[in-house]
Amino acid sequence: MTLPLKNLLRLALATAGFLLIPLVAMQFTKEVNWTLSDFVFAGVMVFGTGLVYQLVASRSAATPYRLGGGLALAAGFLLIWVNAAVGIIGSEHNSANLLYAGVLAVAAIGALLAQFRPVGMARAMAAAAAAQVAVPLLAWLMGRPWPATGDEAWNTGLMVGVTVLFVALWGGSAALFRWAAATGASPSRQVA
């Protein structure tokens, strides 16, 4: 399955526009200090997420299906972005944050096993929500650092709030895919 060149061009322009925000901000404040690798990482994240959305959206014209895919991709994007920027468990340097890769794996593998069909996608996103809850619990059970002070300190209230936010995103995606299944929306094409 190929995307029209105009869609790729729009996506590239949107990515460039997004990258202009920190570039311009760096000219006016010392608070924004991106390196070349930061720009590359952000560009790959934005362009890659947009590309995957284009592929998902091309699978079905049904609005709930497209919204479900968009919400799942937003959850994945934010999970990677937040973890890379500041971390969820302690700081971004806390190795327990690597466990969140499992949440992304659950969502991606579930989507592939479901062959992007709405019912299976709903199950995959619900499983991702459950995995999101399991990560801090698993980190705690594994004895990962849970210090009360220092750079690696866990802000339990913030972590609970962030977990609730991500569960809402994954759960919302699951609900939208369930809605798409109930309305008979199914992908019109198979993954190449």
N, C-alpha and C. Protein backbone atom coordinates (compact mmCIF):
# COMPACT_ATOMS: atom_id res chain seq x y z
N MET A 1 0.85 -1.16 0.00
CA MET A 1 0.00 0.00 0.00
C MET A 1 0.90 1.23 0.00
N THR A 2 0.63 2.12 -0.92
CA THR A 2 1.44 3.34 -1.01
C THR A 2 0.56 4.54 -0.74
N LEU A 3 1.18 5.55 -0.20
CA LEU A 3 0.47 6.80 0.07
C LEU A 3 0.72 7.76 -1.09
N PRO A 4 -0.29 8.56 -1.41
CA PRO A 4 -0.07 9.57 -2.46
C PRO A 4 1.05 10.53 -2.07
N LEU A 5 1.78 10.97 -3.06
CA LEU A 5 2.89 11.89 -2.84
C LEU A 5 2.44 13.16 -2.13
N LYS A 6 1.24 13.64 -2.44
CA LYS A 6 0.76 14.87 -1.79
C LYS A 6 0.60 14.66 -0.29
N ASN A 7 0.19 13.46 0.15
CA ASN A 7 0.07 13.19 1.59
C ASN A 7 1.44 13.19 2.25
N LEU A 8 2.42 12.61 1.58
CA LEU A 8 3.78 12.60 2.14
C LEU A 8 4.35 14.02 2.20
N LEU A 9 4.06 14.82 1.19
CA LEU A 9 4.52 16.21 1.18
C LEU A 9 3.89 17.01 2.31
N ARG A 10 2.58 16.84 2.51
CA ARG A 10 1.89 17.52 3.61
C ARG A 10 2.48 17.12 4.96
N LEU A 11 2.74 15.83 5.10
CA LEU A 11 3.31 15.32 6.34
C LEU A 11 4.71 15.89 6.58
N ALA A 12 5.50 15.96 5.52
CA ALA A 12 6.85 16.54 5.65
C ALA A 12 6.77 18.02 6.02
N LEU A 13 5.84 18.75 5.42
CA LEU A 13 5.67 20.17 5.75
C LEU A 13 5.18 20.36 7.18
N ALA A 14 4.26 19.51 7.62
CA ALA A 14 3.77 19.59 9.00
C ALA A 14 4.90 19.30 9.99
N THR A 15 5.73 18.31 9.66
CA THR A 15 6.88 17.99 10.51
C THR A 15 7.84 19.17 10.58
N ALA A 16 8.13 19.77 9.44
CA ALA A 16 9.03 20.93 9.40
C ALA A 16 8.43 22.09 10.21
N GLY A 17 7.13 22.29 10.08
CA GLY A 17 6.47 23.34 10.86
C GLY A 17 6.57 23.09 12.35
N PHE A 18 6.39 21.84 12.74
CA PHE A 18 6.52 21.49 14.16
C PHE A 18 7.94 21.77 14.65
N LEU A 19 8.94 21.43 13.85
CA LEU A 19 10.33 21.62 14.25
C LEU A 19 10.73 23.10 14.29
N LEU A 20 9.98 23.94 13.59
CA LEU A 20 10.26 25.37 13.64
C LEU A 20 9.95 25.97 15.01
N ILE A 21 9.02 25.36 15.73
CA ILE A 21 8.63 25.90 17.04
C ILE A 21 9.82 25.94 18.00
N PRO A 22 10.52 24.82 18.25
CA PRO A 22 11.67 24.92 19.15
C PRO A 22 12.82 25.72 18.53
N LEU A 23 12.97 25.67 17.22
CA LEU A 23 14.03 26.44 16.57
C LEU A 23 13.86 27.93 16.81
N VAL A 24 12.65 28.41 16.64
CA VAL A 24 12.36 29.83 16.88
C VAL A 24 12.48 30.14 18.37
N ALA A 25 11.96 29.26 19.21
CA ALA A 25 12.03 29.48 20.67
C ALA A 25 13.47 29.60 21.15
N MET A 26 14.37 28.85 20.54
CA MET A 26 15.78 28.90 20.93
C MET A 26 16.38 30.27 20.67
N GLN A 27 15.80 31.03 19.76
CA GLN A 27 16.32 32.36 19.44
C GLN A 27 15.95 33.39 20.50
N PHE A 28 14.94 33.06 21.32
CA PHE A 28 14.42 34.03 22.28
C PHE A 28 14.61 33.64 23.74
N THR A 29 14.94 32.38 24.01
CA THR A 29 15.07 31.96 25.40
C THR A 29 16.14 30.88 25.54
N LYS A 30 16.78 30.87 26.69
CA LYS A 30 17.78 29.84 26.99
C LYS A 30 17.11 28.58 27.55
N GLU A 31 15.82 28.65 27.85
CA GLU A 31 15.08 27.51 28.40
C GLU A 31 14.91 26.40 27.37
N VAL A 32 14.90 26.76 26.11
CA VAL A 32 14.81 25.77 25.02
C VAL A 32 16.20 25.65 24.42
N ASN A 33 16.78 24.48 24.56
CA ASN A 33 18.14 24.26 24.09
C ASN A 33 18.24 22.89 23.44
N TRP A 34 17.75 22.79 22.22
CA TRP A 34 17.75 21.51 21.53
C TRP A 34 19.06 21.31 20.78
N THR A 35 19.51 20.06 20.76
CA THR A 35 20.68 19.68 19.97
C THR A 35 20.20 19.13 18.63
N LEU A 36 21.14 18.87 17.75
CA LEU A 36 20.79 18.27 16.46
C LEU A 36 20.07 16.94 16.66
N SER A 37 20.55 16.15 17.63
CA SER A 37 19.91 14.85 17.87
C SER A 37 18.48 15.02 18.38
N ASP A 38 18.21 16.10 19.13
CA ASP A 38 16.84 16.37 19.57
C ASP A 38 15.93 16.65 18.37
N PHE A 39 16.44 17.43 17.42
CA PHE A 39 15.65 17.73 16.22
C PHE A 39 15.42 16.48 15.38
N VAL A 40 16.44 15.66 15.25
CA VAL A 40 16.30 14.42 14.48
C VAL A 40 15.28 13.50 15.15
N PHE A 41 15.41 13.32 16.47
CA PHE A 41 14.47 12.48 17.22
C PHE A 41 13.04 12.98 17.04
N ALA A 42 12.84 14.29 17.25
CA ALA A 42 11.50 14.87 17.12
C ALA A 42 10.96 14.72 15.70
N GLY A 43 11.82 14.96 14.71
CA GLY A 43 11.39 14.83 13.32
C GLY A 43 10.97 13.42 12.97
N VAL A 44 11.75 12.45 13.42
CA VAL A 44 11.41 11.04 13.16
C VAL A 44 10.11 10.68 13.87
N MET A 45 9.96 11.14 15.12
CA MET A 45 8.74 10.84 15.87
C MET A 45 7.50 11.44 15.20
N VAL A 46 7.56 12.69 14.85
CA VAL A 46 6.40 13.37 14.26
C VAL A 46 6.09 12.79 12.88
N PHE A 47 7.10 12.68 12.03
CA PHE A 47 6.88 12.16 10.68
C PHE A 47 6.43 10.70 10.74
N GLY A 48 7.08 9.91 11.58
CA GLY A 48 6.74 8.49 11.70
C GLY A 48 5.32 8.27 12.21
N THR A 49 4.93 9.03 13.21
CA THR A 49 3.57 8.91 13.74
C THR A 49 2.55 9.32 12.70
N GLY A 50 2.83 10.41 12.00
CA GLY A 50 1.93 10.86 10.94
C GLY A 50 1.82 9.85 9.81
N LEU A 51 2.94 9.24 9.47
CA LEU A 51 2.94 8.23 8.41
C LEU A 51 2.11 7.02 8.81
N VAL A 52 2.31 6.55 10.04
CA VAL A 52 1.52 5.40 10.51
C VAL A 52 0.05 5.76 10.55
N TYR A 53 -0.28 6.99 10.98
CA TYR A 53 -1.69 7.40 10.99
C TYR A 53 -2.26 7.37 9.57
N GLN A 54 -1.51 7.87 8.62
CA GLN A 54 -1.99 7.86 7.22
C GLN A 54 -2.30 6.43 6.77
N LEU A 55 -1.43 5.50 7.15
CA LEU A 55 -1.66 4.10 6.77
C LEU A 55 -2.88 3.53 7.47
N VAL A 56 -3.03 3.83 8.77
CA VAL A 56 -4.20 3.35 9.52
C VAL A 56 -5.48 3.97 8.96
N ALA A 57 -5.46 5.27 8.73
CA ALA A 57 -6.65 5.96 8.24
C ALA A 57 -7.05 5.49 6.85
N SER A 58 -6.09 5.04 6.07
CA SER A 58 -6.42 4.57 4.72
C SER A 58 -7.09 3.19 4.75
N ARG A 59 -7.11 2.56 5.91
CA ARG A 59 -7.69 1.22 6.03
C ARG A 59 -9.21 1.25 6.14
N SER A 60 -9.77 2.35 6.61
CA SER A 60 -11.22 2.43 6.79
C SER A 60 -11.65 3.89 6.71
N ALA A 61 -12.81 4.10 6.11
CA ALA A 61 -13.35 5.46 6.03
C ALA A 61 -14.20 5.78 7.26
N ALA A 62 -14.44 4.79 8.14
CA ALA A 62 -15.29 4.99 9.30
C ALA A 62 -14.61 5.91 10.32
N THR A 63 -15.34 6.94 10.73
CA THR A 63 -14.79 7.91 11.67
C THR A 63 -14.35 7.29 12.99
N PRO A 64 -15.14 6.41 13.61
CA PRO A 64 -14.68 5.83 14.88
C PRO A 64 -13.38 5.04 14.73
N TYR A 65 -13.22 4.36 13.61
CA TYR A 65 -12.00 3.59 13.37
C TYR A 65 -10.80 4.53 13.25
N ARG A 66 -10.96 5.60 12.50
CA ARG A 66 -9.88 6.57 12.32
C ARG A 66 -9.53 7.28 13.62
N LEU A 67 -10.55 7.65 14.38
CA LEU A 67 -10.33 8.30 15.67
C LEU A 67 -9.64 7.34 16.64
N GLY A 68 -10.06 6.09 16.64
CA GLY A 68 -9.43 5.09 17.50
C GLY A 68 -7.96 4.92 17.17
N GLY A 69 -7.65 4.87 15.88
CA GLY A 69 -6.26 4.77 15.46
C GLY A 69 -5.46 6.01 15.84
N GLY A 70 -6.07 7.17 15.65
CA GLY A 70 -5.39 8.42 16.00
C GLY A 70 -5.13 8.53 17.49
N LEU A 71 -6.09 8.11 18.31
CA LEU A 71 -5.92 8.18 19.75
C LEU A 71 -4.84 7.20 20.23
N ALA A 72 -4.83 6.01 19.64
CA ALA A 72 -3.79 5.03 19.99
C ALA A 72 -2.40 5.55 19.62
N LEU A 73 -2.30 6.15 18.44
CA LEU A 73 -1.01 6.71 18.02
C LEU A 73 -0.60 7.90 18.89
N ALA A 74 -1.56 8.70 19.30
CA ALA A 74 -1.26 9.81 20.20
C ALA A 74 -0.74 9.29 21.53
N ALA A 75 -1.36 8.22 22.04
CA ALA A 75 -0.90 7.62 23.29
C ALA A 75 0.52 7.10 23.16
N GLY A 76 0.80 6.40 22.07
CA GLY A 76 2.15 5.89 21.85
C GLY A 76 3.17 7.00 21.69
N PHE A 77 2.81 8.01 20.93
CA PHE A 77 3.70 9.15 20.72
C PHE A 77 4.02 9.83 22.05
N LEU A 78 2.99 10.13 22.82
CA LEU A 78 3.19 10.81 24.10
C LEU A 78 3.97 9.95 25.09
N LEU A 79 3.74 8.66 25.08
CA LEU A 79 4.46 7.77 25.98
C LEU A 79 5.96 7.82 25.69
N ILE A 80 6.32 7.76 24.43
CA ILE A 80 7.74 7.84 24.06
C ILE A 80 8.29 9.23 24.38
N TRP A 81 7.56 10.27 24.02
CA TRP A 81 8.02 11.65 24.19
C TRP A 81 8.25 11.98 25.66
N VAL A 82 7.28 11.67 26.50
CA VAL A 82 7.40 11.97 27.94
C VAL A 82 8.53 11.18 28.56
N ASN A 83 8.62 9.91 28.20
CA ASN A 83 9.69 9.08 28.76
C ASN A 83 11.06 9.58 28.35
N ALA A 84 11.21 9.99 27.11
CA ALA A 84 12.50 10.48 26.64
C ALA A 84 12.84 11.84 27.25
N ALA A 85 11.82 12.66 27.45
CA ALA A 85 12.07 14.02 27.95
C ALA A 85 12.32 14.06 29.45
N VAL A 86 11.42 13.48 30.23
CA VAL A 86 11.53 13.61 31.69
C VAL A 86 11.34 12.31 32.44
N GLY A 87 10.89 11.27 31.77
CA GLY A 87 10.62 10.00 32.45
C GLY A 87 9.30 10.04 33.18
N ILE A 88 8.77 8.87 33.47
CA ILE A 88 7.54 8.76 34.23
C ILE A 88 7.86 8.23 35.62
N ILE A 89 8.73 7.25 35.67
CA ILE A 89 9.18 6.68 36.94
C ILE A 89 10.50 7.36 37.28
N GLY A 90 10.45 8.28 38.21
CA GLY A 90 11.65 9.05 38.53
C GLY A 90 12.01 9.94 37.35
N SER A 91 13.30 10.04 37.06
CA SER A 91 13.75 10.86 35.93
C SER A 91 13.86 10.01 34.68
N GLU A 92 14.22 10.67 33.57
CA GLU A 92 14.38 9.94 32.31
C GLU A 92 15.54 8.95 32.37
N HIS A 93 16.39 9.07 33.38
CA HIS A 93 17.55 8.18 33.52
C HIS A 93 17.22 6.90 34.29
N ASN A 94 16.04 6.82 34.88
CA ASN A 94 15.66 5.64 35.65
C ASN A 94 15.36 4.50 34.68
N SER A 95 16.10 3.41 34.80
CA SER A 95 15.95 2.29 33.86
C SER A 95 14.58 1.64 33.94
N ALA A 96 13.84 1.86 35.02
CA ALA A 96 12.48 1.31 35.11
C ALA A 96 11.58 1.85 34.01
N ASN A 97 11.89 3.04 33.49
CA ASN A 97 11.10 3.61 32.40
C ASN A 97 11.15 2.78 31.13
N LEU A 98 12.18 1.94 31.00
CA LEU A 98 12.27 1.08 29.82
C LEU A 98 11.13 0.06 29.77
N LEU A 99 10.53 -0.20 30.92
CA LEU A 99 9.40 -1.14 30.95
C LEU A 99 8.22 -0.64 30.12
N TYR A 100 8.14 0.66 29.91
CA TYR A 100 7.04 1.19 29.10
C TYR A 100 7.12 0.76 27.64
N ALA A 101 8.27 0.29 27.21
CA ALA A 101 8.37 -0.28 25.85
C ALA A 101 7.43 -1.48 25.72
N GLY A 102 7.19 -2.15 26.83
CA GLY A 102 6.27 -3.28 26.82
C GLY A 102 4.84 -2.86 26.49
N VAL A 103 4.45 -1.68 26.93
CA VAL A 103 3.11 -1.17 26.62
C VAL A 103 2.98 -0.97 25.11
N LEU A 104 4.01 -0.37 24.53
CA LEU A 104 4.01 -0.15 23.08
C LEU A 104 4.02 -1.48 22.34
N ALA A 105 4.76 -2.45 22.84
CA ALA A 105 4.81 -3.77 22.21
C ALA A 105 3.45 -4.45 22.27
N VAL A 106 2.77 -4.35 23.40
CA VAL A 106 1.44 -4.94 23.53
C VAL A 106 0.50 -4.34 22.50
N ALA A 107 0.51 -3.01 22.36
CA ALA A 107 -0.37 -2.34 21.40
C ALA A 107 -0.02 -2.74 19.96
N ALA A 108 1.26 -2.71 19.62
CA ALA A 108 1.68 -2.99 18.24
C ALA A 108 1.46 -4.46 17.87
N ILE A 109 1.88 -5.35 18.73
CA ILE A 109 1.72 -6.79 18.43
C ILE A 109 0.24 -7.15 18.41
N GLY A 110 -0.52 -6.57 19.34
CA GLY A 110 -1.97 -6.81 19.34
C GLY A 110 -2.62 -6.35 18.06
N ALA A 111 -2.21 -5.18 17.56
CA ALA A 111 -2.77 -4.66 16.31
C ALA A 111 -2.43 -5.57 15.14
N LEU A 112 -1.20 -6.04 15.11
CA LEU A 112 -0.79 -6.95 14.03
C LEU A 112 -1.54 -8.28 14.10
N LEU A 113 -1.67 -8.83 15.29
CA LEU A 113 -2.40 -10.10 15.45
C LEU A 113 -3.87 -9.92 15.09
N ALA A 114 -4.42 -8.75 15.37
CA ALA A 114 -5.82 -8.46 15.05
C ALA A 114 -6.01 -8.17 13.56
N GLN A 115 -4.93 -8.07 12.84
CA GLN A 115 -4.95 -7.70 11.43
C GLN A 115 -5.73 -6.40 11.23
N PHE A 116 -5.62 -5.52 12.23
CA PHE A 116 -6.22 -4.20 12.20
C PHE A 116 -7.74 -4.21 12.11
N ARG A 117 -8.35 -5.34 12.47
CA ARG A 117 -9.82 -5.40 12.51
C ARG A 117 -10.31 -4.73 13.79
N PRO A 118 -11.45 -4.05 13.74
CA PRO A 118 -11.89 -3.26 14.88
C PRO A 118 -12.02 -4.04 16.21
N VAL A 119 -12.60 -5.22 16.20
CA VAL A 119 -12.77 -5.97 17.45
C VAL A 119 -11.42 -6.30 18.06
N GLY A 120 -10.51 -6.78 17.24
CA GLY A 120 -9.17 -7.11 17.73
C GLY A 120 -8.40 -5.88 18.16
N MET A 121 -8.58 -4.79 17.45
CA MET A 121 -7.92 -3.54 17.83
C MET A 121 -8.42 -3.06 19.19
N ALA A 122 -9.73 -3.20 19.43
CA ALA A 122 -10.29 -2.83 20.73
C ALA A 122 -9.64 -3.66 21.84
N ARG A 123 -9.48 -4.94 21.61
CA ARG A 123 -8.83 -5.81 22.60
C ARG A 123 -7.37 -5.42 22.80
N ALA A 124 -6.68 -5.12 21.72
CA ALA A 124 -5.27 -4.75 21.81
C ALA A 124 -5.09 -3.46 22.60
N MET A 125 -5.94 -2.49 22.37
CA MET A 125 -5.82 -1.22 23.09
C MET A 125 -6.21 -1.37 24.55
N ALA A 126 -7.19 -2.23 24.84
CA ALA A 126 -7.53 -2.52 26.24
C ALA A 126 -6.36 -3.21 26.94
N ALA A 127 -5.69 -4.10 26.22
CA ALA A 127 -4.51 -4.76 26.79
C ALA A 127 -3.39 -3.75 27.03
N ALA A 128 -3.24 -2.79 26.14
CA ALA A 128 -2.22 -1.74 26.33
C ALA A 128 -2.54 -0.91 27.57
N ALA A 129 -3.83 -0.63 27.80
CA ALA A 129 -4.23 0.10 29.01
C ALA A 129 -3.87 -0.70 30.25
N ALA A 130 -4.12 -2.00 30.23
CA ALA A 130 -3.77 -2.85 31.37
C ALA A 130 -2.25 -2.89 31.57
N ALA A 131 -1.51 -2.95 30.47
CA ALA A 131 -0.05 -2.96 30.56
C ALA A 131 0.46 -1.65 31.14
N GLN A 132 -0.20 -0.55 30.78
CA GLN A 132 0.19 0.77 31.31
C GLN A 132 0.08 0.78 32.83
N VAL A 133 -0.97 0.19 33.37
CA VAL A 133 -1.15 0.12 34.82
C VAL A 133 -0.11 -0.82 35.44
N ALA A 134 0.21 -1.88 34.73
CA ALA A 134 1.12 -2.90 35.27
C ALA A 134 2.56 -2.41 35.40
N VAL A 135 2.98 -1.49 34.56
CA VAL A 135 4.39 -1.08 34.55
C VAL A 135 4.88 -0.55 35.89
N PRO A 136 4.24 0.47 36.50
CA PRO A 136 4.77 0.93 37.79
C PRO A 136 4.69 -0.14 38.86
N LEU A 137 3.65 -0.97 38.80
CA LEU A 137 3.54 -2.05 39.78
C LEU A 137 4.66 -3.06 39.59
N LEU A 138 4.94 -3.40 38.36
CA LEU A 138 6.02 -4.34 38.05
C LEU A 138 7.37 -3.77 38.46
N ALA A 139 7.59 -2.49 38.19
CA ALA A 139 8.85 -1.85 38.58
C ALA A 139 9.03 -1.91 40.09
N TRP A 140 7.95 -1.66 40.81
CA TRP A 140 8.01 -1.72 42.27
C TRP A 140 8.28 -3.14 42.75
N LEU A 141 7.59 -4.13 42.17
CA LEU A 141 7.79 -5.53 42.56
C LEU A 141 9.20 -6.03 42.24
N MET A 142 9.78 -5.51 41.15
CA MET A 142 11.13 -5.92 40.76
C MET A 142 12.18 -5.25 41.63
N GLY A 143 11.75 -4.36 42.51
CA GLY A 143 12.69 -3.70 43.38
C GLY A 143 13.46 -2.58 42.72
N ARG A 144 12.92 -2.05 41.62
CA ARG A 144 13.57 -0.91 40.98
C ARG A 144 13.63 0.23 41.99
N PRO A 145 14.56 1.10 41.86
CA PRO A 145 14.71 2.17 42.84
C PRO A 145 13.42 2.95 43.04
N TRP A 146 13.03 3.09 44.26
CA TRP A 146 11.89 3.92 44.61
C TRP A 146 12.32 4.82 45.75
N PRO A 147 13.39 5.60 45.53
CA PRO A 147 13.90 6.42 46.62
C PRO A 147 12.97 7.58 46.93
N ALA A 148 13.09 8.07 48.13
CA ALA A 148 12.26 9.18 48.57
C ALA A 148 12.85 10.53 48.18
N THR A 149 14.14 10.55 47.86
CA THR A 149 14.79 11.83 47.53
C THR A 149 15.72 11.64 46.34
N GLY A 150 16.22 12.75 45.85
CA GLY A 150 17.20 12.71 44.77
C GLY A 150 16.57 12.71 43.40
N ASP A 151 17.44 12.63 42.37
CA ASP A 151 17.03 12.70 40.98
C ASP A 151 16.11 11.55 40.59
N GLU A 152 16.30 10.40 41.22
CA GLU A 152 15.52 9.23 40.86
C GLU A 152 14.24 9.09 41.68
N ALA A 153 13.93 10.07 42.50
CA ALA A 153 12.74 9.99 43.35
C ALA A 153 11.47 9.87 42.52
N TRP A 154 10.60 9.05 42.97
CA TRP A 154 9.32 8.87 42.30
C TRP A 154 8.33 9.84 42.91
N ASN A 155 7.68 10.60 42.08
CA ASN A 155 6.58 11.44 42.53
C ASN A 155 5.33 10.59 42.31
N THR A 156 4.92 9.89 43.35
CA THR A 156 3.84 8.91 43.24
C THR A 156 2.55 9.53 42.72
N GLY A 157 2.19 10.70 43.23
CA GLY A 157 0.97 11.34 42.76
C GLY A 157 1.02 11.66 41.28
N LEU A 158 2.15 12.19 40.83
CA LEU A 158 2.31 12.51 39.42
C LEU A 158 2.28 11.24 38.57
N MET A 159 2.95 10.19 39.04
CA MET A 159 2.97 8.94 38.28
C MET A 159 1.56 8.35 38.17
N VAL A 160 0.78 8.42 39.23
CA VAL A 160 -0.60 7.93 39.19
C VAL A 160 -1.40 8.76 38.19
N GLY A 161 -1.25 10.08 38.24
CA GLY A 161 -1.96 10.95 37.31
C GLY A 161 -1.60 10.67 35.86
N VAL A 162 -0.31 10.49 35.59
CA VAL A 162 0.14 10.20 34.23
C VAL A 162 -0.40 8.83 33.79
N THR A 163 -0.38 7.87 34.70
CA THR A 163 -0.90 6.54 34.37
C THR A 163 -2.39 6.62 34.04
N VAL A 164 -3.14 7.37 34.82
CA VAL A 164 -4.57 7.53 34.55
C VAL A 164 -4.79 8.18 33.18
N LEU A 165 -3.98 9.19 32.86
CA LEU A 165 -4.09 9.83 31.55
C LEU A 165 -3.87 8.83 30.42
N PHE A 166 -2.81 8.03 30.52
CA PHE A 166 -2.53 7.07 29.46
C PHE A 166 -3.58 5.96 29.40
N VAL A 167 -4.07 5.53 30.54
CA VAL A 167 -5.13 4.52 30.54
C VAL A 167 -6.37 5.09 29.84
N ALA A 168 -6.65 6.37 30.07
CA ALA A 168 -7.79 7.01 29.40
C ALA A 168 -7.57 7.05 27.88
N LEU A 169 -6.35 7.34 27.45
CA LEU A 169 -6.07 7.37 26.01
C LEU A 169 -6.21 5.98 25.39
N TRP A 170 -5.56 4.98 25.99
CA TRP A 170 -5.67 3.61 25.46
C TRP A 170 -7.11 3.11 25.55
N GLY A 171 -7.78 3.39 26.67
CA GLY A 171 -9.17 2.96 26.84
C GLY A 171 -10.11 3.66 25.88
N GLY A 172 -9.88 4.96 25.65
CA GLY A 172 -10.68 5.68 24.67
C GLY A 172 -10.51 5.11 23.28
N SER A 173 -9.29 4.75 22.95
CA SER A 173 -9.04 4.13 21.66
C SER A 173 -9.78 2.80 21.55
N ALA A 174 -9.72 2.01 22.62
CA ALA A 174 -10.43 0.72 22.63
C ALA A 174 -11.93 0.93 22.43
N ALA A 175 -12.49 1.94 23.12
CA ALA A 175 -13.92 2.21 23.00
C ALA A 175 -14.28 2.63 21.57
N LEU A 176 -13.44 3.44 20.95
CA LEU A 176 -13.71 3.86 19.57
C LEU A 176 -13.63 2.68 18.61
N PHE A 177 -12.67 1.80 18.80
CA PHE A 177 -12.60 0.61 17.94
C PHE A 177 -13.81 -0.30 18.18
N ARG A 178 -14.26 -0.40 19.43
CA ARG A 178 -15.45 -1.19 19.74
C ARG A 178 -16.66 -0.58 19.03
N TRP A 179 -16.74 0.74 19.03
CA TRP A 179 -17.82 1.44 18.34
C TRP A 179 -17.75 1.17 16.83
N ALA A 180 -16.53 1.22 16.30
CA ALA A 180 -16.36 0.93 14.87
C ALA A 180 -16.82 -0.49 14.55
N ALA A 181 -16.52 -1.44 15.44
CA ALA A 181 -16.95 -2.83 15.22
C ALA A 181 -18.47 -2.93 15.28
N ALA A 182 -19.08 -2.20 16.20
CA ALA A 182 -20.54 -2.26 16.36
C ALA A 182 -21.26 -1.66 15.16
N THR A 183 -20.63 -0.71 14.49
CA THR A 183 -21.26 -0.09 13.32
C THR A 183 -20.90 -0.81 12.03
N GLY A 184 -20.14 -1.88 12.16
CA GLY A 184 -19.79 -2.67 10.99
C GLY A 184 -18.62 -2.13 10.19
N ALA A 185 -17.89 -1.19 10.75
CA ALA A 185 -16.74 -0.64 10.04
C ALA A 185 -15.60 -1.65 10.11
N SER A 186 -15.12 -2.04 8.97
CA SER A 186 -13.96 -2.93 8.99
C SER A 186 -12.97 -2.44 7.96
N PRO A 187 -11.70 -2.73 8.20
CA PRO A 187 -10.68 -2.26 7.26
C PRO A 187 -10.97 -2.71 5.85
N SER A 188 -10.77 -1.82 4.92
CA SER A 188 -11.07 -2.12 3.53
C SER A 188 -9.92 -2.78 2.78
N ARG A 189 -8.74 -2.72 3.38
CA ARG A 189 -7.57 -3.28 2.71
C ARG A 189 -6.74 -4.07 3.70
N GLN A 190 -5.99 -5.02 3.18
CA GLN A 190 -5.08 -5.79 4.02
C GLN A 190 -3.73 -5.10 4.07
N VAL A 191 -3.02 -5.30 5.16
CA VAL A 191 -1.67 -4.74 5.28
C VAL A 191 -0.76 -5.43 4.30
N ALA A 192 0.02 -4.63 3.56
CA ALA A 192 0.93 -5.20 2.56
C ALA A 192 2.15 -5.75 3.22
